N, C-alpha and C. Protein backbone atom coordinates (compact mmCIF):
# COMPACT_ATOMS: atom_id res chain seq x y z
N MET A 1 4.38 -29.60 28.21
CA MET A 1 4.85 -28.49 28.70
C MET A 1 5.84 -28.23 27.40
N ARG A 2 6.51 -28.86 26.70
CA ARG A 2 7.45 -28.22 25.39
C ARG A 2 6.47 -27.94 24.95
N SER A 3 5.63 -29.21 24.31
CA SER A 3 5.54 -28.60 22.92
C SER A 3 4.37 -27.49 23.12
N PHE A 4 4.00 -26.77 23.91
CA PHE A 4 3.20 -25.56 24.63
C PHE A 4 4.74 -24.36 24.66
N ILE A 5 5.82 -24.61 24.84
CA ILE A 5 6.78 -23.92 24.50
C ILE A 5 7.16 -23.27 23.28
N ILE A 6 6.42 -24.63 22.00
CA ILE A 6 7.30 -24.59 20.95
C ILE A 6 6.56 -23.70 19.93
N ILE A 7 5.10 -24.42 20.55
CA ILE A 7 3.85 -23.25 19.93
C ILE A 7 4.09 -22.22 20.24
N THR A 8 4.38 -21.43 21.31
CA THR A 8 4.52 -20.10 21.70
C THR A 8 5.29 -19.32 20.85
N VAL A 9 6.80 -20.43 21.01
CA VAL A 9 7.98 -19.43 19.83
C VAL A 9 7.26 -19.32 19.10
N LEU A 10 7.10 -20.44 18.29
CA LEU A 10 7.34 -20.10 16.97
C LEU A 10 5.55 -19.28 16.73
N SER A 11 4.96 -19.22 17.03
CA SER A 11 3.95 -18.01 17.15
C SER A 11 4.38 -16.89 17.10
N ALA A 12 5.09 -16.53 18.34
CA ALA A 12 5.80 -15.10 18.21
C ALA A 12 6.66 -15.22 16.96
N LEU A 13 7.58 -15.59 16.63
CA LEU A 13 8.09 -15.63 15.28
C LEU A 13 7.37 -15.11 13.94
N ALA A 14 6.58 -15.98 14.11
CA ALA A 14 5.17 -16.11 12.93
C ALA A 14 4.87 -14.16 12.96
N ALA A 15 4.45 -13.89 13.94
CA ALA A 15 4.06 -12.47 14.20
C ALA A 15 4.96 -11.58 13.93
N CYS A 16 6.11 -11.57 14.45
CA CYS A 16 7.33 -10.63 14.12
C CYS A 16 7.74 -10.78 12.72
N TYR A 17 7.69 -11.83 12.22
CA TYR A 17 8.16 -12.24 10.67
C TYR A 17 6.97 -11.20 10.20
N GLY A 18 5.89 -11.04 10.21
CA GLY A 18 3.96 -10.67 9.17
C GLY A 18 4.29 -8.64 9.68
N ALA A 19 5.16 -8.54 10.67
CA ALA A 19 5.23 -7.12 10.86
C ALA A 19 6.43 -6.35 10.31
N ALA A 20 7.52 -7.08 9.76
CA ALA A 20 8.85 -6.97 9.10
C ALA A 20 8.68 -6.80 8.06
N VAL A 21 7.38 -7.74 7.47
CA VAL A 21 7.35 -7.52 5.91
C VAL A 21 6.87 -6.50 5.66
N LEU A 22 7.73 -5.43 4.82
CA LEU A 22 7.30 -4.21 4.23
C LEU A 22 6.52 -4.63 2.95
N PRO A 23 4.73 -3.67 3.29
CA PRO A 23 4.05 -3.69 1.28
C PRO A 23 4.46 -3.21 0.55
N SER A 24 4.24 -3.95 -0.12
CA SER A 24 4.47 -3.64 -1.97
C SER A 24 4.10 -2.49 -2.06
N GLU A 25 4.35 -1.76 -3.37
CA GLU A 25 3.93 -0.33 -3.93
C GLU A 25 2.35 -0.60 -4.15
N ASP A 26 2.01 -1.59 -4.53
CA ASP A 26 0.26 -2.02 -4.56
C ASP A 26 -0.38 -1.82 -3.58
N GLU A 27 -0.02 -2.33 -2.24
CA GLU A 27 -0.72 -2.21 -1.26
C GLU A 27 -0.78 -0.53 -0.20
N MET A 28 -0.01 0.38 -1.05
CA MET A 28 0.32 1.28 -0.27
C MET A 28 -0.88 1.98 -0.33
N VAL A 29 -1.67 3.22 0.49
CA VAL A 29 -2.65 3.82 -0.11
C VAL A 29 -2.43 5.04 -0.11
N THR A 30 -3.10 6.28 -0.61
CA THR A 30 -2.72 7.57 -1.07
C THR A 30 -3.94 7.93 -0.40
N ILE A 31 -3.68 9.46 0.00
CA ILE A 31 -4.62 10.31 0.64
C ILE A 31 -4.78 11.61 -0.32
N ILE A 32 -5.74 12.09 -0.60
CA ILE A 32 -6.78 12.79 -1.08
C ILE A 32 -6.97 13.96 -0.87
N TYR A 33 -6.78 15.00 -0.78
CA TYR A 33 -7.62 16.34 -0.46
C TYR A 33 -7.65 17.47 -1.80
N ASP A 34 -9.29 17.27 -1.58
CA ASP A 34 -9.46 17.47 -2.57
C ASP A 34 -11.17 18.55 -2.36
N ASP A 35 -11.70 19.58 -3.16
CA ASP A 35 -12.86 20.23 -3.09
C ASP A 35 -13.85 19.72 -2.50
N LYS A 36 -14.04 18.67 -2.67
CA LYS A 36 -15.23 17.22 -2.20
C LYS A 36 -14.49 16.56 -0.33
N SER A 37 -13.71 16.56 -0.40
CA SER A 37 -12.49 16.07 0.67
C SER A 37 -11.42 16.66 1.22
N PRO A 38 -12.36 18.02 1.78
CA PRO A 38 -10.85 18.67 2.64
C PRO A 38 -10.49 17.99 3.50
N ASN A 39 -10.51 17.10 4.23
CA ASN A 39 -10.20 16.43 5.14
C ASN A 39 -9.47 15.30 5.00
N GLY A 40 -9.46 15.01 3.59
CA GLY A 40 -8.80 13.98 3.14
C GLY A 40 -9.32 12.28 2.88
N ILE A 41 -9.21 12.00 2.10
CA ILE A 41 -9.80 10.31 1.90
C ILE A 41 -9.11 9.48 1.55
N ILE A 42 -8.69 8.55 1.70
CA ILE A 42 -8.04 7.81 1.48
C ILE A 42 -8.11 6.46 0.84
N MET A 43 -7.21 6.35 -0.31
CA MET A 43 -7.58 5.37 -1.71
C MET A 43 -6.53 4.68 -2.30
N SER A 44 -6.84 3.42 -2.28
CA SER A 44 -5.87 1.85 -2.61
C SER A 44 -4.72 2.50 -4.24
N ARG A 45 -3.44 2.81 -4.69
CA ARG A 45 -3.07 2.90 -5.91
C ARG A 45 -3.91 2.99 -6.84
N ALA A 46 -4.52 1.46 -6.73
CA ALA A 46 -5.02 1.29 -8.18
C ALA A 46 -6.39 2.32 -8.03
N ASP A 47 -7.10 3.18 -7.13
CA ASP A 47 -8.34 3.57 -7.19
C ASP A 47 -7.24 5.14 -7.97
N PHE A 48 -6.25 5.27 -7.10
CA PHE A 48 -5.62 6.47 -7.47
C PHE A 48 -5.63 6.90 -9.17
N ASP A 49 -4.96 5.75 -8.96
CA ASP A 49 -4.23 6.02 -10.99
C ASP A 49 -5.59 5.90 -11.63
N ALA A 50 -7.05 5.39 -11.57
CA ALA A 50 -7.58 5.40 -12.35
C ALA A 50 -8.30 6.46 -11.96
N ARG A 51 -8.31 6.98 -11.18
CA ARG A 51 -9.07 8.49 -10.80
C ARG A 51 -7.93 9.90 -11.75
N SER A 52 -6.90 9.56 -11.44
CA SER A 52 -6.35 10.71 -12.09
C SER A 52 -5.73 10.23 -13.82
N GLN A 53 -5.97 9.89 -13.94
CA GLN A 53 -6.12 9.37 -15.72
C GLN A 53 -6.57 10.42 -16.42
N GLY A 54 -5.75 11.42 -17.31
CA GLY A 54 -6.30 12.96 -17.47
C GLY A 54 -5.36 13.82 -17.20
N TRP A 55 -5.11 13.70 -15.75
CA TRP A 55 -4.60 15.33 -14.84
C TRP A 55 -3.57 15.51 -15.42
N VAL A 56 -2.91 17.17 -15.15
CA VAL A 56 -1.86 17.36 -15.55
C VAL A 56 -0.49 17.59 -14.20
N LEU A 57 0.80 16.90 -14.65
CA LEU A 57 1.41 16.92 -13.40
C LEU A 57 2.10 18.35 -13.49
N LEU A 58 1.45 19.27 -12.05
CA LEU A 58 2.46 20.57 -11.66
C LEU A 58 3.45 20.39 -11.14
N SER A 59 3.55 19.47 -9.98
CA SER A 59 4.49 19.32 -9.08
C SER A 59 4.88 17.94 -8.25
N GLU A 60 5.73 17.82 -8.02
CA GLU A 60 6.54 16.37 -7.53
C GLU A 60 7.40 16.47 -6.51
N ALA A 61 7.63 15.89 -5.19
CA ALA A 61 8.78 15.98 -4.26
C ALA A 61 8.78 14.76 -4.19
N ASN A 62 9.45 14.51 -3.24
CA ASN A 62 10.39 13.26 -2.17
C ASN A 62 11.11 13.78 -1.59
N ASP A 63 10.70 13.09 -0.49
CA ASP A 63 11.35 14.17 0.78
C ASP A 63 11.47 13.18 1.45
N LEU A 64 12.23 12.56 2.62
CA LEU A 64 12.01 12.01 3.94
C LEU A 64 11.89 12.57 5.03
N ILE A 65 11.03 12.21 6.01
CA ILE A 65 10.09 12.46 6.80
C ILE A 65 10.57 12.11 8.29
N PRO A 66 10.44 12.90 9.31
CA PRO A 66 10.65 12.34 10.60
C PRO A 66 10.23 10.86 10.93
N ALA A 67 11.17 10.10 11.29
CA ALA A 67 10.27 8.48 11.77
C ALA A 67 10.76 8.14 13.51
N VAL A 68 9.95 7.23 13.36
CA VAL A 68 10.54 6.65 14.91
C VAL A 68 12.05 5.60 14.65
N GLU A 69 12.90 6.15 15.75
CA GLU A 69 13.90 5.99 15.67
C GLU A 69 14.14 4.36 15.29
N GLY A 70 15.03 4.34 14.32
CA GLY A 70 15.33 3.25 13.59
C GLY A 70 14.86 2.59 12.49
N GLN A 71 14.03 3.69 12.11
CA GLN A 71 12.70 3.28 10.93
C GLN A 71 12.96 4.61 10.16
N VAL A 72 13.09 4.82 8.80
CA VAL A 72 12.66 5.80 7.72
C VAL A 72 11.49 5.38 6.87
N GLN A 73 11.22 6.68 6.81
CA GLN A 73 9.78 6.92 6.30
C GLN A 73 9.65 7.78 4.92
N SER A 74 9.32 7.94 4.08
CA SER A 74 9.83 8.75 3.02
C SER A 74 7.97 9.05 2.46
N ILE A 75 7.86 10.69 1.83
CA ILE A 75 6.75 10.64 1.84
C ILE A 75 6.93 11.63 0.04
N ARG A 76 5.53 11.78 -0.44
CA ARG A 76 5.55 11.34 -2.09
C ARG A 76 4.85 12.73 -2.29
N MET A 77 5.07 14.01 -2.52
CA MET A 77 4.17 14.93 -2.76
C MET A 77 3.62 15.06 -4.22
N VAL A 78 2.46 15.03 -4.58
CA VAL A 78 2.35 15.19 -6.36
C VAL A 78 1.04 16.26 -6.47
N TYR A 79 1.18 17.25 -7.66
CA TYR A 79 0.27 17.77 -7.31
C TYR A 79 -0.26 17.77 -8.70
N ARG A 80 -1.35 18.07 -8.94
CA ARG A 80 -1.73 17.60 -10.24
C ARG A 80 -2.86 18.22 -10.42
N ALA A 81 -3.73 18.70 -11.61
CA ALA A 81 -4.96 19.19 -11.51
C ALA A 81 -5.50 18.44 -13.36
């Protein structure tokens, strides 16, 4: 019984640690809205960088958005053509 409790506690700690680790910037996604996908398409950072080569920056904004209490979320809006 004692080993079962230890295994359960260790499993719970591993799950909490996995949920608490923030993703790196490479793992984040970007949502693209354009004439081909008006509802948005989700792209990885690498796919977005490859697609946006040669675009000209029109505007850029970094804002904090309302989040769950105790958490901070930010959004980066970039307009390119």
